[in-house]
Amino acid sequence: MPTFFTPDHPPFTMPDLKEVVENEGYKIHAHTLGELLVSFERLTGCRVIPHDPPKYFRYHRKGETDSFLLVDIHIIRGGLEVCPKQDLDFQLELEDIVEAGVLIC
């Protein structure tokens, strides 16, 4: 199953800036990016929806309707990084790592 990481559940944390602690992420059964995002919402109550311009997404924490974080979704597959933009029909593979990362610029 693809593994999904979000701003609230990143791939790793650095407590006390002394060590890197890897997080498990969400293992979600999905064939497409769209299926993964719908399943993630059902599982957590957080929503990830397309934003305009058509490249990024809005990450709404559970219970938040107006406030959101702007994120970019990338898929790590076999050591390569793919940016599907807002292609909700993008086909996922079992070992894919899907990261919704906050925009930093």
C-alpha atoms as a PDB file:
ATOM      1  CA  MET A   1       0.000   0.000   0.000  1.00  0.00           C
ATOM      2  CA  PRO A   2       1.184   3.528  -0.662  1.00  0.00           C
ATOM      3  CA  THR A   3       2.416   5.465   2.376  1.00  0.00           C
ATOM      4  CA  PHE A   4       1.137   9.016   2.879  1.00  0.00           C
ATOM      5  CA  PHE A   5       2.913  11.767   4.813  1.00  0.00           C
ATOM      6  CA  THR A   6       1.370  15.141   5.681  1.00  0.00           C
ATOM      7  CA  PRO A   7       2.436  18.353   7.426  1.00  0.00           C
ATOM      8  CA  ASP A   8       1.098  16.864  10.678  1.00  0.00           C
ATOM      9  CA  HIS A   9       2.757  13.488  10.055  1.00  0.00           C
ATOM     10  CA  PRO A  10       6.034  14.147   8.186  1.00  0.00           C
ATOM     11  CA  PRO A  11       8.493  11.411   7.156  1.00  0.00           C
ATOM     12  CA  PHE A  12      10.753  12.316  10.066  1.00  0.00           C
ATOM     13  CA  THR A  13      11.097  14.618  13.061  1.00  0.00           C
ATOM     14  CA  MET A  14      14.137  15.984  14.849  1.00  0.00           C
ATOM     15  CA  PRO A  15      13.385  16.268  18.565  1.00  0.00           C
ATOM     16  CA  ASP A  16      15.895  18.510  20.304  1.00  0.00           C
ATOM     17  CA  LEU A  17      17.736  18.753  16.936  1.00  0.00           C
ATOM     18  CA  LYS A  18      19.930  15.865  18.084  1.00  0.00           C
ATOM     19  CA  GLU A  19      18.560  12.891  16.184  1.00  0.00           C
ATOM     20  CA  VAL A  20      16.306  12.029  13.270  1.00  0.00           C
ATOM     21  CA  VAL A  21      13.240   9.969  14.168  1.00  0.00           C
ATOM     22  CA  GLU A  22      11.477   8.311  11.244  1.00  0.00           C
ATOM     23  CA  ASN A  23       7.671   8.265  11.277  1.00  0.00           C
ATOM     24  CA  GLU A  24       5.555   5.468   9.842  1.00  0.00           C
ATOM     25  CA  GLY A  25       3.077   7.556   7.854  1.00  0.00           C
ATOM     26  CA  TYR A  26      -0.365   6.390   6.810  1.00  0.00           C
ATOM     27  CA  LYS A  27      -0.580   3.113   4.889  1.00  0.00           C
ATOM     28  CA  ILE A  28      -3.594   3.652   2.647  1.00  0.00           C
ATOM     29  CA  HIS A  29      -4.989   1.202   0.115  1.00  0.00           C
ATOM     30  CA  ALA A  30      -5.478   3.252  -3.061  1.00  0.00           C
ATOM     31  CA  HIS A  31      -4.941   2.846  -6.802  1.00  0.00           C
ATOM     32  CA  THR A  32      -4.927   6.569  -7.618  1.00  0.00           C
ATOM     33  CA  LEU A  33      -3.961   9.814  -5.928  1.00  0.00           C
ATOM     34  CA  GLY A  34      -7.636  10.794  -5.754  1.00  0.00           C
ATOM     35  CA  GLU A  35      -8.559   7.526  -3.985  1.00  0.00           C
ATOM     36  CA  LEU A  36      -5.737   8.066  -1.507  1.00  0.00           C
ATOM     37  CA  LEU A  37      -6.931  11.575  -0.627  1.00  0.00           C
ATOM     38  CA  VAL A  38     -10.554  10.450  -0.175  1.00  0.00           C
ATOM     39  CA  SER A  39      -9.458   7.541   2.034  1.00  0.00           C
ATOM     40  CA  PHE A  40      -7.209   9.842   4.054  1.00  0.00           C
ATOM     41  CA  GLU A  41     -10.153  12.176   4.718  1.00  0.00           C
ATOM     42  CA  ARG A  42     -12.331   9.250   5.844  1.00  0.00           C
ATOM     43  CA  LEU A  43      -9.544   8.011   8.112  1.00  0.00           C
ATOM     44  CA  THR A  44      -8.536  11.301   9.750  1.00  0.00           C
ATOM     45  CA  GLY A  45     -11.142  13.961   8.997  1.00  0.00           C
ATOM     46  CA  CYS A  46      -8.427  16.092   7.347  1.00  0.00           C
ATOM     47  CA  ARG A  47      -9.061  17.205   3.762  1.00  0.00           C
ATOM     48  CA  VAL A  48      -6.571  17.653   0.938  1.00  0.00           C
ATOM     49  CA  ILE A  49      -8.222  19.386  -2.019  1.00  0.00           C
ATOM     50  CA  PRO A  50      -6.966  21.039  -5.223  1.00  0.00           C
ATOM     51  CA  HIS A  51      -6.036  24.720  -5.063  1.00  0.00           C
ATOM     52  CA  ASP A  52      -5.850  27.304  -7.826  1.00  0.00           C
ATOM     53  CA  PRO A  53      -3.371  27.581  -9.627  1.00  0.00           C
ATOM     54  CA  PRO A  54      -3.663  23.937 -10.683  1.00  0.00           C
ATOM     55  CA  LYS A  55      -0.508  22.574  -9.082  1.00  0.00           C
ATOM     56  CA  TYR A  56      -0.939  22.755  -5.327  1.00  0.00           C
ATOM     57  CA  PHE A  57      -3.422  21.498  -2.742  1.00  0.00           C
ATOM     58  CA  ARG A  58      -5.107  22.884   0.359  1.00  0.00           C
ATOM     59  CA  TYR A  59      -4.511  20.861   3.504  1.00  0.00           C
ATOM     60  CA  HIS A  60      -7.405  21.394   5.939  1.00  0.00           C
ATOM     61  CA  ARG A  61      -6.914  19.976   9.408  1.00  0.00           C
ATOM     62  CA  LYS A  62      -9.828  18.129  10.980  1.00  0.00           C
ATOM     63  CA  GLY A  63     -12.661  20.528  11.739  1.00  0.00           C
ATOM     64  CA  GLU A  64     -11.075  23.486   9.916  1.00  0.00           C
ATOM     65  CA  THR A  65     -12.997  24.828   6.958  1.00  0.00           C
ATOM     66  CA  ASP A  66     -11.580  28.292   6.274  1.00  0.00           C
ATOM     67  CA  SER A  67      -7.931  27.937   7.279  1.00  0.00           C
ATOM     68  CA  PHE A  68      -5.537  25.672   5.396  1.00  0.00           C
ATOM     69  CA  LEU A  69      -1.889  25.028   4.602  1.00  0.00           C
ATOM     70  CA  LEU A  70      -0.804  25.153   0.978  1.00  0.00           C
ATOM     71  CA  VAL A  71       0.975  21.879   0.098  1.00  0.00           C
ATOM     72  CA  ASP A  72       2.672  20.333  -2.911  1.00  0.00           C
ATOM     73  CA  ILE A  73       2.269  16.586  -3.415  1.00  0.00           C
ATOM     74  CA  HIS A  74       5.212  14.528  -4.621  1.00  0.00           C
ATOM     75  CA  ILE A  75       5.486  10.780  -5.104  1.00  0.00           C
ATOM     76  CA  ILE A  76       8.742   8.987  -4.334  1.00  0.00           C
ATOM     77  CA  ARG A  77       8.983   5.882  -6.508  1.00  0.00           C
ATOM     78  CA  GLY A  78      12.101   3.790  -6.852  1.00  0.00           C
ATOM     79  CA  GLY A  79      14.348   6.651  -5.755  1.00  0.00           C
ATOM     80  CA  LEU A  80      12.775   9.097  -8.226  1.00  0.00           C
ATOM     81  CA  GLU A  81      10.536  12.020  -7.293  1.00  0.00           C
ATOM     82  CA  VAL A  82       7.430  12.656  -9.391  1.00  0.00           C
ATOM     83  CA  CYS A  83       5.189  15.733  -9.153  1.00  0.00           C
ATOM     84  CA  PRO A  84       1.704  14.734 -10.377  1.00  0.00           C
ATOM     85  CA  LYS A  85       0.404  18.289  -9.854  1.00  0.00           C
ATOM     86  CA  GLN A  86      -3.391  17.925  -9.467  1.00  0.00           C
ATOM     87  CA  ASP A  87      -3.764  14.722 -11.489  1.00  0.00           C
ATOM     88  CA  LEU A  88      -6.158  12.852  -9.182  1.00  0.00           C
ATOM     89  CA  ASP A  89      -6.128   9.931 -11.666  1.00  0.00           C
ATOM     90  CA  PHE A  90      -2.353   9.512 -11.211  1.00  0.00           C
ATOM     91  CA  GLN A  91      -1.772   5.767 -10.779  1.00  0.00           C
ATOM     92  CA  LEU A  92      -0.095   4.745  -7.525  1.00  0.00           C
ATOM     93  CA  GLU A  93       2.054   1.678  -6.960  1.00  0.00           C
ATOM     94  CA  LEU A  94       2.254  -0.405  -3.784  1.00  0.00           C
ATOM     95  CA  GLU A  95       5.642   0.916  -2.675  1.00  0.00           C
ATOM     96  CA  ASP A  96       4.990   4.603  -3.451  1.00  0.00           C
ATOM     97  CA  ILE A  97       5.659   7.225  -0.807  1.00  0.00           C
ATOM     98  CA  VAL A  98       3.292  10.162  -1.197  1.00  0.00           C
ATOM     99  CA  GLU A  99       4.338  13.389   0.530  1.00  0.00           C
ATOM    100  CA  ALA A 100       2.153  16.459   0.993  1.00  0.00           C
ATOM    101  CA  GLY A 101       4.745  19.054   1.964  1.00  0.00           C
ATOM    102  CA  VAL A 102       4.128  22.633   2.990  1.00  0.00           C
ATOM    103  CA  LEU A 103       5.296  25.219   0.470  1.00  0.00           C
ATOM    104  CA  ILE A 104       8.301  27.073   1.815  1.00  0.00           C
ATOM    105  CA  CYS A 105       8.434  29.930  -0.678  1.00  0.00           C
END
